[in-house]
N, C-alpha and C. Protein backbone atom coordinates (compact mmCIF):
# COMPACT_ATOMS: atom_id res chain seq x y z
N MET A 1 -55.71 -64.94 116.36
CA MET A 1 -56.51 -65.83 115.53
C MET A 1 -55.69 -66.37 114.36
N THR A 2 -54.82 -65.54 113.78
CA THR A 2 -54.02 -65.98 112.65
C THR A 2 -53.13 -67.15 113.02
N ILE A 3 -52.49 -67.10 114.19
CA ILE A 3 -51.60 -68.17 114.62
C ILE A 3 -52.38 -69.47 114.79
N LEU A 4 -53.54 -69.40 115.42
CA LEU A 4 -54.35 -70.60 115.61
C LEU A 4 -54.75 -71.20 114.28
N CYS A 5 -55.09 -70.35 113.33
CA CYS A 5 -55.47 -70.87 112.02
C CYS A 5 -54.31 -71.62 111.38
N LYS A 6 -53.11 -71.09 111.48
CA LYS A 6 -51.97 -71.73 110.85
C LYS A 6 -51.67 -73.08 111.49
N VAL A 7 -51.82 -73.16 112.78
CA VAL A 7 -51.49 -74.39 113.48
C VAL A 7 -52.54 -75.46 113.25
N ARG A 8 -53.81 -75.09 113.31
CA ARG A 8 -54.87 -76.08 113.32
C ARG A 8 -55.42 -76.43 111.95
N THR A 9 -55.41 -75.47 111.04
CA THR A 9 -56.13 -75.71 109.79
C THR A 9 -55.35 -75.33 108.55
N GLY A 10 -54.22 -74.68 108.68
CA GLY A 10 -53.45 -74.30 107.51
C GLY A 10 -53.59 -72.83 107.19
N ALA A 11 -52.52 -72.24 106.67
CA ALA A 11 -52.51 -70.80 106.41
C ALA A 11 -53.54 -70.40 105.38
N TRP A 12 -53.77 -71.25 104.33
CA TRP A 12 -54.74 -70.87 103.30
C TRP A 12 -56.12 -70.67 103.90
N LEU A 13 -56.55 -71.61 104.75
CA LEU A 13 -57.88 -71.52 105.34
C LEU A 13 -58.01 -70.25 106.16
N CYS A 14 -56.97 -69.92 106.91
CA CYS A 14 -57.01 -68.70 107.73
C CYS A 14 -57.16 -67.47 106.85
N LEU A 15 -56.39 -67.40 105.76
CA LEU A 15 -56.46 -66.24 104.88
C LEU A 15 -57.82 -66.11 104.22
N VAL A 16 -58.41 -67.25 103.84
CA VAL A 16 -59.75 -67.21 103.24
C VAL A 16 -60.76 -66.71 104.26
N GLY A 17 -60.66 -67.21 105.50
CA GLY A 17 -61.58 -66.74 106.53
C GLY A 17 -61.51 -65.24 106.70
N LEU A 18 -60.29 -64.71 106.70
CA LEU A 18 -60.14 -63.26 106.84
C LEU A 18 -60.69 -62.54 105.62
N GLY A 19 -60.59 -63.17 104.43
CA GLY A 19 -61.08 -62.54 103.21
C GLY A 19 -62.59 -62.58 103.06
N LEU A 20 -63.28 -63.40 103.85
CA LEU A 20 -64.73 -63.54 103.71
C LEU A 20 -65.50 -62.57 104.59
N ALA A 21 -64.83 -61.69 105.29
CA ALA A 21 -65.50 -60.81 106.25
C ALA A 21 -66.72 -60.14 105.63
N ALA A 22 -67.90 -60.47 106.16
CA ALA A 22 -69.16 -59.99 105.57
C ALA A 22 -69.39 -58.51 105.84
N CYS A 23 -68.61 -57.92 106.75
CA CYS A 23 -68.79 -56.49 107.00
C CYS A 23 -68.45 -55.67 105.76
N PHE A 24 -67.66 -56.24 104.82
CA PHE A 24 -67.37 -55.57 103.55
C PHE A 24 -68.66 -55.31 102.78
N GLU A 25 -69.67 -56.16 103.00
CA GLU A 25 -70.92 -56.06 102.26
C GLU A 25 -71.94 -55.15 102.93
N THR A 26 -71.72 -54.81 104.19
CA THR A 26 -72.76 -54.14 104.97
C THR A 26 -73.09 -52.75 104.43
N GLU A 27 -72.07 -51.96 104.11
CA GLU A 27 -72.33 -50.58 103.65
C GLU A 27 -73.14 -50.54 102.36
N PRO A 28 -72.74 -51.26 101.29
CA PRO A 28 -73.56 -51.20 100.08
C PRO A 28 -74.96 -51.78 100.26
N LEU A 29 -75.10 -52.81 101.10
CA LEU A 29 -76.44 -53.35 101.37
C LEU A 29 -77.31 -52.32 102.07
N THR A 30 -76.74 -51.65 103.06
CA THR A 30 -77.48 -50.64 103.81
C THR A 30 -77.88 -49.48 102.92
N GLU A 31 -76.96 -49.02 102.08
CA GLU A 31 -77.25 -47.92 101.17
C GLU A 31 -78.35 -48.30 100.18
N ALA A 32 -78.27 -49.52 99.65
CA ALA A 32 -79.30 -49.97 98.71
C ALA A 32 -80.66 -50.06 99.38
N ALA A 33 -80.68 -50.57 100.61
CA ALA A 33 -81.94 -50.67 101.34
C ALA A 33 -82.55 -49.29 101.60
N SER A 34 -81.69 -48.31 101.81
CA SER A 34 -82.20 -46.95 102.07
C SER A 34 -82.86 -46.36 100.83
N ARG A 35 -82.51 -46.88 99.65
CA ARG A 35 -83.13 -46.42 98.40
C ARG A 35 -84.40 -47.21 98.07
N GLY A 36 -84.70 -48.22 98.89
CA GLY A 36 -85.95 -48.95 98.71
C GLY A 36 -85.85 -50.22 97.90
N LEU A 37 -84.63 -50.60 97.44
CA LEU A 37 -84.44 -51.84 96.69
C LEU A 37 -85.43 -51.95 95.52
N GLN A 38 -85.52 -50.89 94.76
CA GLN A 38 -86.43 -50.86 93.63
C GLN A 38 -85.89 -51.71 92.48
N PRO A 39 -86.78 -52.20 91.59
CA PRO A 39 -86.30 -52.95 90.42
C PRO A 39 -85.32 -52.12 89.60
N ALA A 40 -84.36 -52.81 88.99
CA ALA A 40 -83.32 -52.13 88.21
C ALA A 40 -83.63 -52.21 86.72
N ALA A 41 -83.06 -51.27 85.97
CA ALA A 41 -83.27 -51.23 84.52
C ALA A 41 -82.22 -52.04 83.77
N GLY A 42 -81.24 -52.55 84.43
CA GLY A 42 -80.17 -53.31 83.79
C GLY A 42 -78.83 -52.72 84.16
N PRO A 43 -77.75 -53.33 83.74
CA PRO A 43 -77.58 -54.49 82.88
C PRO A 43 -77.86 -55.80 83.62
N THR A 44 -77.85 -56.91 82.89
CA THR A 44 -78.09 -58.20 83.51
C THR A 44 -76.80 -58.85 84.01
N GLU A 45 -75.66 -58.31 83.61
CA GLU A 45 -74.39 -58.84 84.10
C GLU A 45 -73.34 -57.74 84.12
N VAL A 46 -72.25 -57.98 84.86
CA VAL A 46 -71.16 -57.03 84.92
C VAL A 46 -69.85 -57.81 84.97
N VAL A 47 -68.84 -57.28 84.26
CA VAL A 47 -67.52 -57.90 84.21
C VAL A 47 -66.57 -57.06 85.05
N LEU A 48 -65.85 -57.72 85.96
CA LEU A 48 -65.08 -57.02 86.98
C LEU A 48 -63.62 -57.47 87.02
N LEU A 49 -62.84 -56.70 87.77
CA LEU A 49 -61.47 -57.07 88.11
C LEU A 49 -60.66 -57.41 86.86
N ASP A 50 -60.48 -56.39 86.04
CA ASP A 50 -59.71 -56.51 84.79
C ASP A 50 -60.29 -57.60 83.90
N ARG A 51 -61.62 -57.65 83.88
CA ARG A 51 -62.39 -58.56 83.03
C ARG A 51 -62.11 -60.04 83.35
N SER A 52 -61.77 -60.31 84.61
CA SER A 52 -61.46 -61.69 84.98
C SER A 52 -62.67 -62.45 85.52
N VAL A 53 -63.70 -61.73 85.99
CA VAL A 53 -64.87 -62.37 86.60
C VAL A 53 -66.14 -61.72 86.06
N THR A 54 -67.11 -62.55 85.68
CA THR A 54 -68.42 -62.08 85.26
C THR A 54 -69.42 -62.40 86.35
N VAL A 55 -70.19 -61.41 86.77
CA VAL A 55 -71.25 -61.62 87.75
C VAL A 55 -72.59 -61.53 87.05
N VAL A 56 -73.38 -62.58 87.17
CA VAL A 56 -74.70 -62.64 86.55
C VAL A 56 -75.62 -63.44 87.46
N GLY A 57 -76.85 -62.99 87.56
CA GLY A 57 -77.82 -63.70 88.38
C GLY A 57 -78.74 -64.57 87.56
N PRO A 58 -79.70 -65.22 88.20
CA PRO A 58 -80.71 -65.99 87.47
C PRO A 58 -81.51 -65.09 86.53
N ILE A 59 -82.23 -65.70 85.62
CA ILE A 59 -83.08 -64.95 84.69
C ILE A 59 -84.03 -64.06 85.49
N GLY A 60 -84.15 -62.79 85.05
CA GLY A 60 -85.04 -61.84 85.72
C GLY A 60 -84.32 -60.93 86.70
N TYR A 61 -82.98 -61.12 86.85
CA TYR A 61 -82.21 -60.27 87.75
C TYR A 61 -81.32 -59.31 86.98
N CYS A 62 -81.22 -58.08 87.52
CA CYS A 62 -80.37 -57.05 86.94
C CYS A 62 -79.43 -56.50 88.00
N VAL A 63 -78.32 -55.94 87.55
CA VAL A 63 -77.31 -55.40 88.45
C VAL A 63 -77.75 -54.03 88.95
N ASP A 64 -77.68 -53.83 90.26
CA ASP A 64 -77.88 -52.51 90.86
C ASP A 64 -76.53 -51.81 90.79
N THR A 65 -76.32 -51.00 89.76
CA THR A 65 -75.01 -50.40 89.52
C THR A 65 -74.59 -49.44 90.63
N GLU A 66 -75.57 -48.82 91.31
CA GLU A 66 -75.24 -47.90 92.39
C GLU A 66 -74.62 -48.63 93.59
N ALA A 67 -74.94 -49.90 93.74
CA ALA A 67 -74.45 -50.67 94.89
C ALA A 67 -73.17 -51.43 94.58
N THR A 68 -72.69 -51.38 93.34
CA THR A 68 -71.47 -52.10 92.98
C THR A 68 -70.25 -51.41 93.57
N ARG A 69 -69.36 -52.22 94.15
CA ARG A 69 -68.10 -51.72 94.70
C ARG A 69 -66.98 -52.55 94.09
N GLU A 70 -65.89 -51.88 93.66
CA GLU A 70 -64.77 -52.60 93.07
C GLU A 70 -63.47 -51.91 93.42
N SER A 71 -62.51 -52.69 93.90
CA SER A 71 -61.16 -52.20 94.14
C SER A 71 -60.22 -52.97 93.21
N ASP A 72 -58.94 -52.85 93.44
CA ASP A 72 -57.98 -53.56 92.59
C ASP A 72 -58.05 -55.07 92.79
N ILE A 73 -58.54 -55.52 93.97
CA ILE A 73 -58.46 -56.94 94.29
C ILE A 73 -59.79 -57.61 94.63
N GLU A 74 -60.83 -56.83 94.91
CA GLU A 74 -62.10 -57.44 95.29
C GLU A 74 -63.27 -56.61 94.80
N ALA A 75 -64.46 -57.21 94.82
CA ALA A 75 -65.63 -56.50 94.31
C ALA A 75 -66.89 -57.01 95.00
N PHE A 76 -67.90 -56.15 95.05
CA PHE A 76 -69.23 -56.50 95.56
C PHE A 76 -70.26 -56.07 94.54
N VAL A 77 -71.22 -56.96 94.26
CA VAL A 77 -72.28 -56.65 93.30
C VAL A 77 -73.62 -57.04 93.91
N LEU A 78 -74.59 -56.15 93.79
CA LEU A 78 -75.96 -56.43 94.23
C LEU A 78 -76.83 -56.63 93.01
N LEU A 79 -77.67 -57.66 93.05
CA LEU A 79 -78.61 -57.92 91.96
C LEU A 79 -80.03 -57.91 92.49
N VAL A 80 -80.90 -57.18 91.81
CA VAL A 80 -82.31 -57.09 92.19
C VAL A 80 -83.15 -57.46 90.98
N ARG A 81 -84.44 -57.63 91.20
CA ARG A 81 -85.29 -58.01 90.06
C ARG A 81 -85.29 -56.89 89.02
N CYS A 82 -85.31 -57.30 87.76
CA CYS A 82 -85.27 -56.33 86.67
C CYS A 82 -86.58 -55.54 86.60
N ARG A 83 -86.47 -54.33 86.15
CA ARG A 83 -87.67 -53.50 85.96
C ARG A 83 -88.59 -54.19 84.96
N GLY A 84 -89.85 -54.26 85.29
CA GLY A 84 -90.82 -54.97 84.45
C GLY A 84 -91.15 -56.36 84.97
N THR A 85 -90.32 -56.86 85.92
CA THR A 85 -90.65 -58.13 86.57
C THR A 85 -91.70 -57.87 87.63
N LEU A 86 -92.82 -58.54 87.55
CA LEU A 86 -93.96 -58.19 88.39
C LEU A 86 -93.87 -58.78 89.80
N ARG A 87 -93.42 -60.02 89.92
CA ARG A 87 -93.47 -60.65 91.24
C ARG A 87 -92.30 -60.22 92.11
N PRO A 88 -92.50 -60.14 93.42
CA PRO A 88 -91.39 -59.83 94.32
C PRO A 88 -90.32 -60.91 94.24
N ALA A 89 -89.09 -60.54 94.50
CA ALA A 89 -87.99 -61.49 94.43
C ALA A 89 -86.95 -61.14 95.48
N PRO A 90 -86.23 -62.14 95.98
CA PRO A 90 -85.16 -61.84 96.94
C PRO A 90 -84.05 -61.04 96.28
N VAL A 91 -83.23 -60.43 97.10
CA VAL A 91 -82.06 -59.69 96.64
C VAL A 91 -80.86 -60.64 96.66
N LEU A 92 -80.02 -60.55 95.64
CA LEU A 92 -78.84 -61.39 95.55
C LEU A 92 -77.58 -60.53 95.65
N SER A 93 -76.54 -61.09 96.23
CA SER A 93 -75.26 -60.38 96.25
C SER A 93 -74.13 -61.34 95.92
N ALA A 94 -73.09 -60.79 95.29
CA ALA A 94 -71.88 -61.54 94.96
C ALA A 94 -70.68 -60.75 95.47
N THR A 95 -69.85 -61.41 96.26
CA THR A 95 -68.62 -60.80 96.72
C THR A 95 -67.46 -61.61 96.17
N VAL A 96 -66.64 -60.97 95.35
CA VAL A 96 -65.47 -61.61 94.76
C VAL A 96 -64.26 -61.18 95.58
N THR A 97 -63.62 -62.12 96.25
CA THR A 97 -62.49 -61.78 97.12
C THR A 97 -61.21 -61.67 96.31
N GLY A 98 -60.19 -61.15 96.96
CA GLY A 98 -58.88 -61.07 96.34
C GLY A 98 -58.06 -62.32 96.53
N LEU A 99 -58.69 -63.39 97.02
CA LEU A 99 -57.99 -64.62 97.36
C LEU A 99 -58.08 -65.65 96.25
N THR A 100 -56.96 -66.24 95.95
CA THR A 100 -56.92 -67.29 94.93
C THR A 100 -57.55 -68.56 95.48
N ALA A 101 -58.37 -69.20 94.66
CA ALA A 101 -59.02 -70.45 95.07
C ALA A 101 -57.97 -71.54 95.25
N PRO A 102 -58.24 -72.52 96.13
CA PRO A 102 -57.29 -73.62 96.31
C PRO A 102 -57.14 -74.43 95.04
N THR A 103 -55.96 -75.00 94.85
CA THR A 103 -55.70 -75.79 93.66
C THR A 103 -56.05 -77.25 93.91
N SER A 104 -55.92 -78.03 92.86
CA SER A 104 -56.19 -79.47 92.99
C SER A 104 -55.19 -80.16 93.91
N ASN A 105 -54.09 -79.46 94.26
CA ASN A 105 -53.12 -80.03 95.18
C ASN A 105 -53.67 -80.11 96.61
N ASP A 106 -54.74 -79.37 96.89
CA ASP A 106 -55.34 -79.38 98.23
C ASP A 106 -56.84 -79.53 98.10
N PRO A 107 -57.32 -80.70 97.69
CA PRO A 107 -58.76 -80.87 97.41
C PRO A 107 -59.64 -80.76 98.64
N GLY A 108 -59.08 -80.88 99.84
CA GLY A 108 -59.90 -80.79 101.04
C GLY A 108 -60.01 -79.41 101.64
N ALA A 109 -59.44 -78.40 100.96
CA ALA A 109 -59.38 -77.06 101.54
C ALA A 109 -60.77 -76.48 101.81
N LEU A 110 -61.67 -76.57 100.84
CA LEU A 110 -63.01 -76.01 101.03
C LEU A 110 -63.78 -76.78 102.11
N ARG A 111 -63.58 -78.08 102.16
CA ARG A 111 -64.26 -78.88 103.19
C ARG A 111 -63.80 -78.44 104.59
N ARG A 112 -62.51 -78.16 104.74
CA ARG A 112 -62.01 -77.70 106.04
C ARG A 112 -62.56 -76.31 106.36
N LEU A 113 -62.69 -75.48 105.32
CA LEU A 113 -63.25 -74.14 105.54
C LEU A 113 -64.68 -74.23 106.05
N ALA A 114 -65.45 -75.21 105.56
CA ALA A 114 -66.83 -75.38 106.01
C ALA A 114 -66.87 -75.60 107.51
N GLY A 115 -65.96 -76.40 108.04
CA GLY A 115 -65.90 -76.62 109.48
C GLY A 115 -65.47 -75.38 110.23
N PHE A 116 -64.51 -74.65 109.67
CA PHE A 116 -64.00 -73.44 110.32
C PHE A 116 -65.09 -72.38 110.48
N LEU A 117 -65.99 -72.27 109.49
CA LEU A 117 -66.98 -71.19 109.52
C LEU A 117 -68.02 -71.36 110.63
N SER A 118 -68.10 -72.53 111.24
CA SER A 118 -69.02 -72.72 112.37
C SER A 118 -68.37 -72.40 113.71
N THR A 119 -67.06 -72.13 113.70
CA THR A 119 -66.36 -71.78 114.94
C THR A 119 -66.58 -70.29 115.23
N PRO A 120 -66.29 -69.83 116.46
CA PRO A 120 -66.41 -68.40 116.75
C PRO A 120 -65.60 -67.52 115.79
N ALA A 121 -64.39 -67.94 115.45
CA ALA A 121 -63.58 -67.16 114.51
C ALA A 121 -64.23 -67.13 113.14
N GLY A 122 -64.77 -68.26 112.71
CA GLY A 122 -65.44 -68.32 111.42
C GLY A 122 -66.71 -67.49 111.39
N ARG A 123 -67.50 -67.57 112.47
CA ARG A 123 -68.74 -66.78 112.53
C ARG A 123 -68.44 -65.29 112.56
N ALA A 124 -67.30 -64.91 113.08
CA ALA A 124 -66.91 -63.49 113.05
C ALA A 124 -66.71 -63.03 111.61
N GLN A 125 -66.18 -63.91 110.76
CA GLN A 125 -65.98 -63.56 109.36
C GLN A 125 -67.31 -63.50 108.59
N LEU A 126 -68.29 -64.28 109.02
CA LEU A 126 -69.60 -64.26 108.37
C LEU A 126 -70.48 -63.11 108.85
N SER A 127 -70.14 -62.54 109.99
CA SER A 127 -70.99 -61.53 110.62
C SER A 127 -70.91 -60.20 109.89
N ARG A 128 -72.06 -59.56 109.72
CA ARG A 128 -72.08 -58.22 109.12
C ARG A 128 -71.36 -57.20 110.00
N SER A 129 -71.38 -57.42 111.30
CA SER A 129 -70.77 -56.49 112.24
C SER A 129 -69.40 -56.95 112.73
N GLY A 130 -69.04 -58.19 112.43
CA GLY A 130 -67.80 -58.76 112.94
C GLY A 130 -67.96 -59.40 114.30
N ASP A 131 -69.20 -59.42 114.83
CA ASP A 131 -69.48 -59.98 116.15
C ASP A 131 -70.03 -61.40 116.00
N PRO A 132 -69.26 -62.42 116.39
CA PRO A 132 -69.74 -63.80 116.20
C PRO A 132 -70.98 -64.14 117.00
N SER A 133 -71.24 -63.40 118.09
CA SER A 133 -72.42 -63.70 118.91
C SER A 133 -73.72 -63.36 118.19
N GLU A 134 -73.65 -62.57 117.12
CA GLU A 134 -74.84 -62.21 116.36
C GLU A 134 -75.18 -63.24 115.29
N VAL A 135 -74.31 -64.22 115.09
CA VAL A 135 -74.45 -65.15 113.97
C VAL A 135 -74.67 -66.58 114.45
N THR A 136 -75.64 -67.25 113.86
CA THR A 136 -75.85 -68.68 114.04
C THR A 136 -75.77 -69.35 112.68
N VAL A 137 -74.92 -70.36 112.56
CA VAL A 137 -74.87 -71.16 111.34
C VAL A 137 -75.88 -72.28 111.51
N VAL A 138 -77.04 -72.12 110.89
CA VAL A 138 -78.15 -73.07 111.05
C VAL A 138 -77.85 -74.37 110.30
N GLU A 139 -77.32 -74.24 109.09
CA GLU A 139 -76.93 -75.40 108.29
C GLU A 139 -75.60 -75.11 107.62
N SER A 140 -74.76 -76.12 107.50
CA SER A 140 -73.48 -76.00 106.80
C SER A 140 -73.21 -77.31 106.08
N THR A 141 -73.14 -77.25 104.76
CA THR A 141 -72.95 -78.45 103.95
C THR A 141 -71.89 -78.19 102.90
N TYR A 142 -71.00 -79.17 102.70
CA TYR A 142 -70.07 -79.11 101.58
C TYR A 142 -70.53 -80.09 100.51
N ALA A 143 -70.82 -79.59 99.32
CA ALA A 143 -71.28 -80.44 98.23
C ALA A 143 -71.03 -79.74 96.91
N ASN A 144 -70.70 -80.52 95.87
CA ASN A 144 -70.54 -79.98 94.52
C ASN A 144 -69.51 -78.85 94.49
N ASN A 145 -68.40 -79.05 95.22
CA ASN A 145 -67.29 -78.10 95.28
C ASN A 145 -67.73 -76.71 95.74
N ALA A 146 -68.65 -76.68 96.70
CA ALA A 146 -69.11 -75.42 97.28
C ALA A 146 -69.55 -75.66 98.72
N ILE A 147 -69.50 -74.61 99.51
CA ILE A 147 -70.03 -74.63 100.87
C ILE A 147 -71.39 -73.95 100.83
N TRP A 148 -72.41 -74.62 101.39
CA TRP A 148 -73.77 -74.10 101.40
C TRP A 148 -74.15 -73.80 102.85
N LEU A 149 -74.43 -72.54 103.15
CA LEU A 149 -74.67 -72.10 104.51
C LEU A 149 -76.04 -71.44 104.65
N LEU A 150 -76.79 -71.87 105.65
CA LEU A 150 -78.00 -71.15 106.06
C LEU A 150 -77.62 -70.41 107.33
N ILE A 151 -77.67 -69.10 107.28
CA ILE A 151 -77.14 -68.24 108.34
C ILE A 151 -78.25 -67.39 108.93
N GLU A 152 -78.19 -67.18 110.23
CA GLU A 152 -79.04 -66.20 110.88
C GLU A 152 -78.12 -65.14 111.47
N ASP A 153 -78.21 -63.93 110.95
CA ASP A 153 -77.32 -62.85 111.35
C ASP A 153 -78.15 -61.65 111.80
N HIS A 154 -78.14 -61.38 113.10
CA HIS A 154 -78.92 -60.26 113.63
C HIS A 154 -78.24 -58.92 113.38
N GLY A 155 -77.07 -58.96 112.72
CA GLY A 155 -76.43 -57.73 112.28
C GLY A 155 -76.77 -57.36 110.86
N ASN A 156 -77.65 -58.14 110.21
CA ASN A 156 -78.10 -57.79 108.87
C ASN A 156 -78.72 -56.39 108.87
N PRO A 157 -78.55 -55.61 107.78
CA PRO A 157 -79.23 -54.33 107.71
C PRO A 157 -80.72 -54.47 108.01
N GLU A 158 -81.30 -53.46 108.60
CA GLU A 158 -82.65 -53.51 109.17
C GLU A 158 -83.71 -53.97 108.17
N SER A 159 -83.55 -53.65 106.89
CA SER A 159 -84.56 -54.00 105.90
C SER A 159 -84.60 -55.48 105.56
N PHE A 160 -83.54 -56.22 105.92
CA PHE A 160 -83.43 -57.61 105.52
C PHE A 160 -83.77 -58.56 106.66
N ASP A 161 -84.33 -59.71 106.29
CA ASP A 161 -84.57 -60.77 107.26
C ASP A 161 -83.22 -61.28 107.79
N PRO A 162 -83.12 -61.62 109.07
CA PRO A 162 -81.83 -62.10 109.59
C PRO A 162 -81.37 -63.40 108.95
N SER A 163 -82.29 -64.24 108.49
CA SER A 163 -81.93 -65.54 107.92
C SER A 163 -81.69 -65.41 106.42
N TYR A 164 -80.58 -65.98 105.96
CA TYR A 164 -80.31 -65.96 104.53
C TYR A 164 -79.37 -67.11 104.16
N TRP A 165 -79.35 -67.42 102.87
CA TRP A 165 -78.47 -68.47 102.33
C TRP A 165 -77.22 -67.85 101.73
N ARG A 166 -76.10 -68.56 101.89
CA ARG A 166 -74.83 -68.11 101.32
C ARG A 166 -74.06 -69.33 100.81
N ALA A 167 -73.44 -69.17 99.64
CA ALA A 167 -72.55 -70.20 99.10
C ALA A 167 -71.15 -69.62 98.99
N VAL A 168 -70.16 -70.44 99.31
CA VAL A 168 -68.75 -70.07 99.17
C VAL A 168 -68.13 -71.07 98.20
N LEU A 169 -67.53 -70.57 97.12
CA LEU A 169 -67.05 -71.48 96.08
C LEU A 169 -66.00 -70.80 95.21
N PRO A 170 -65.22 -71.61 94.48
CA PRO A 170 -64.28 -71.03 93.53
C PRO A 170 -64.98 -70.66 92.23
N ILE A 171 -64.72 -69.44 91.77
CA ILE A 171 -65.22 -68.96 90.49
C ILE A 171 -64.08 -68.21 89.81
N ALA A 172 -63.77 -68.58 88.59
CA ALA A 172 -62.71 -67.89 87.83
C ALA A 172 -61.41 -67.82 88.62
N GLY A 173 -61.11 -68.87 89.38
CA GLY A 173 -59.86 -68.93 90.10
C GLY A 173 -59.82 -68.14 91.39
N ARG A 174 -60.96 -67.56 91.79
CA ARG A 174 -61.05 -66.80 93.04
C ARG A 174 -62.09 -67.40 93.96
N ILE A 175 -61.99 -67.09 95.25
CA ILE A 175 -63.04 -67.46 96.18
C ILE A 175 -64.14 -66.40 96.11
N VAL A 176 -65.37 -66.87 95.87
CA VAL A 176 -66.52 -65.99 95.70
C VAL A 176 -67.59 -66.41 96.70
N THR A 177 -68.32 -65.44 97.25
CA THR A 177 -69.47 -65.76 98.09
C THR A 177 -70.72 -65.18 97.42
N LEU A 178 -71.74 -66.00 97.34
CA LEU A 178 -73.02 -65.63 96.74
C LEU A 178 -74.11 -65.76 97.79
N SER A 179 -74.96 -64.73 97.91
CA SER A 179 -75.97 -64.72 98.96
C SER A 179 -77.35 -64.43 98.40
N VAL A 180 -78.36 -64.97 99.10
CA VAL A 180 -79.77 -64.74 98.77
C VAL A 180 -80.42 -64.15 100.01
N LEU A 181 -80.87 -62.90 99.92
CA LEU A 181 -81.45 -62.20 101.06
C LEU A 181 -82.89 -61.81 100.75
N SER A 182 -83.74 -61.88 101.75
CA SER A 182 -85.13 -61.48 101.56
C SER A 182 -85.47 -60.29 102.45
N ALA A 183 -86.49 -59.55 102.05
CA ALA A 183 -86.93 -58.42 102.85
C ALA A 183 -87.51 -58.92 104.18
N ARG A 184 -87.32 -58.14 105.22
CA ARG A 184 -87.79 -58.55 106.55
C ARG A 184 -89.30 -58.75 106.55
N GLU A 185 -90.03 -57.94 105.79
CA GLU A 185 -91.49 -58.08 105.79
C GLU A 185 -91.98 -59.18 104.85
N HIS A 186 -91.07 -59.71 103.99
CA HIS A 186 -91.44 -60.79 103.08
C HIS A 186 -90.37 -61.87 103.12
N PRO A 187 -90.20 -62.56 104.25
CA PRO A 187 -89.13 -63.56 104.36
C PRO A 187 -89.38 -64.76 103.46
N LEU A 188 -88.28 -65.30 102.95
CA LEU A 188 -88.35 -66.51 102.12
C LEU A 188 -88.37 -67.75 103.00
N ASP A 189 -89.05 -68.79 102.54
CA ASP A 189 -88.89 -70.06 103.24
C ASP A 189 -87.55 -70.67 102.82
N SER A 190 -87.03 -71.56 103.64
CA SER A 190 -85.69 -72.11 103.45
C SER A 190 -85.52 -72.78 102.10
N ASP A 191 -86.50 -73.57 101.68
CA ASP A 191 -86.38 -74.30 100.41
C ASP A 191 -86.31 -73.35 99.22
N SER A 192 -87.12 -72.30 99.24
CA SER A 192 -87.12 -71.33 98.14
C SER A 192 -85.79 -70.59 98.08
N GLY A 193 -85.27 -70.24 99.24
CA GLY A 193 -83.98 -69.55 99.29
C GLY A 193 -82.86 -70.42 98.74
N LEU A 194 -82.84 -71.69 99.11
CA LEU A 194 -81.81 -72.59 98.62
C LEU A 194 -81.94 -72.81 97.12
N ALA A 195 -83.17 -72.94 96.62
CA ALA A 195 -83.37 -73.12 95.18
C ALA A 195 -82.85 -71.91 94.40
N THR A 196 -83.10 -70.72 94.92
CA THR A 196 -82.61 -69.51 94.26
C THR A 196 -81.09 -69.48 94.27
N LEU A 197 -80.50 -69.87 95.39
CA LEU A 197 -79.04 -69.88 95.49
C LEU A 197 -78.43 -70.89 94.50
N ARG A 198 -79.03 -72.05 94.38
CA ARG A 198 -78.53 -73.04 93.44
C ARG A 198 -78.57 -72.50 92.00
N SER A 199 -79.63 -71.80 91.68
CA SER A 199 -79.75 -71.20 90.35
C SER A 199 -78.67 -70.13 90.15
N PHE A 200 -78.42 -69.34 91.18
CA PHE A 200 -77.39 -68.30 91.13
C PHE A 200 -76.02 -68.93 90.90
N VAL A 201 -75.70 -69.95 91.67
CA VAL A 201 -74.42 -70.65 91.52
C VAL A 201 -74.27 -71.20 90.10
N SER A 202 -75.32 -71.82 89.58
CA SER A 202 -75.28 -72.39 88.24
C SER A 202 -75.01 -71.33 87.18
N ARG A 203 -75.68 -70.20 87.29
CA ARG A 203 -75.49 -69.12 86.32
C ARG A 203 -74.08 -68.54 86.40
N MET A 204 -73.56 -68.39 87.61
CA MET A 204 -72.20 -67.87 87.78
C MET A 204 -71.17 -68.84 87.19
N ARG A 205 -71.35 -70.12 87.45
CA ARG A 205 -70.42 -71.09 86.89
C ARG A 205 -70.50 -71.11 85.36
N GLY A 206 -71.69 -71.00 84.82
CA GLY A 206 -71.86 -71.01 83.38
C GLY A 206 -71.23 -69.81 82.71
N ALA A 207 -71.24 -68.66 83.39
CA ALA A 207 -70.68 -67.43 82.81
C ALA A 207 -69.16 -67.36 82.97
N ASN A 208 -68.60 -68.24 83.80
CA ASN A 208 -67.16 -68.23 84.06
C ASN A 208 -66.59 -69.64 83.87
N VAL A 209 -66.95 -70.24 82.75
CA VAL A 209 -66.63 -71.65 82.53
C VAL A 209 -65.14 -71.94 82.62
N GLU A 210 -64.32 -71.11 81.98
CA GLU A 210 -62.89 -71.41 81.92
C GLU A 210 -62.24 -71.30 83.28
N GLY A 211 -62.70 -70.32 84.10
CA GLY A 211 -62.02 -70.13 85.38
C GLY A 211 -62.74 -70.71 86.55
N GLY A 212 -64.01 -71.18 86.41
CA GLY A 212 -64.79 -71.62 87.55
C GLY A 212 -64.67 -73.07 87.86
C-alpha cells in the first residue's frame, strides 16, 4: 500500500492515511463505553503534547480524563457532557496525530486526502478494526480547509451507533481528526451531528489560533 500511495498520490498523503488509523481510538472508546459514558466533572479543556495543542469541545462538554491517551507524538481525548448538563448529548473525540500538517507549498494535499479516504486503503485507515469492508463513506466533502466525512462503521464499539461524523483538518500544525458519536439507542440525525461537528471544529480552531 505504501508504494501505491507514493506513486499515485504522493508520500505525504500516504503517511497521513497511515497516521489516521481509527483503531488507535477503539480501546479508549470501548473502555469509556464500559463505564457508561457518564457526565464528567471537568476540566473543559486539556493541553497536550508539550503544550502544543489544546483540545476543547463546544460549550457544555468536559474532558473524560480516564479516556485520555497521550504518547510522545500523538494523543486521544474523549469529551462528554459536563456534570449538571441535563439533556443527552453525543460523545466527541479528538485524535491528534504525530503528522505535520501540509504547508502552503502543497495547498491541494487535504483535497487529495479526501479522495483517498473513499478508497479501500483509505477506508481501512478509517475503520475501527482496520477492515475496509466494515466501513462506508456516506459523504465526503472538502471545504473550509477541512475534510468532512459521514461514516458508517460496523466496527464501532457496541454502545455507539455505526454512523458518525468525522472532520480531518490541520490544528496547531498537526493533522487532527474530530468525531461526533451518538449512543446506539439514541442515534443523532445527520444534520444535528454535522452541526455539532462544525461547533467542535470552530472551538478547536479558536483555542489554537496561532497554530491552526
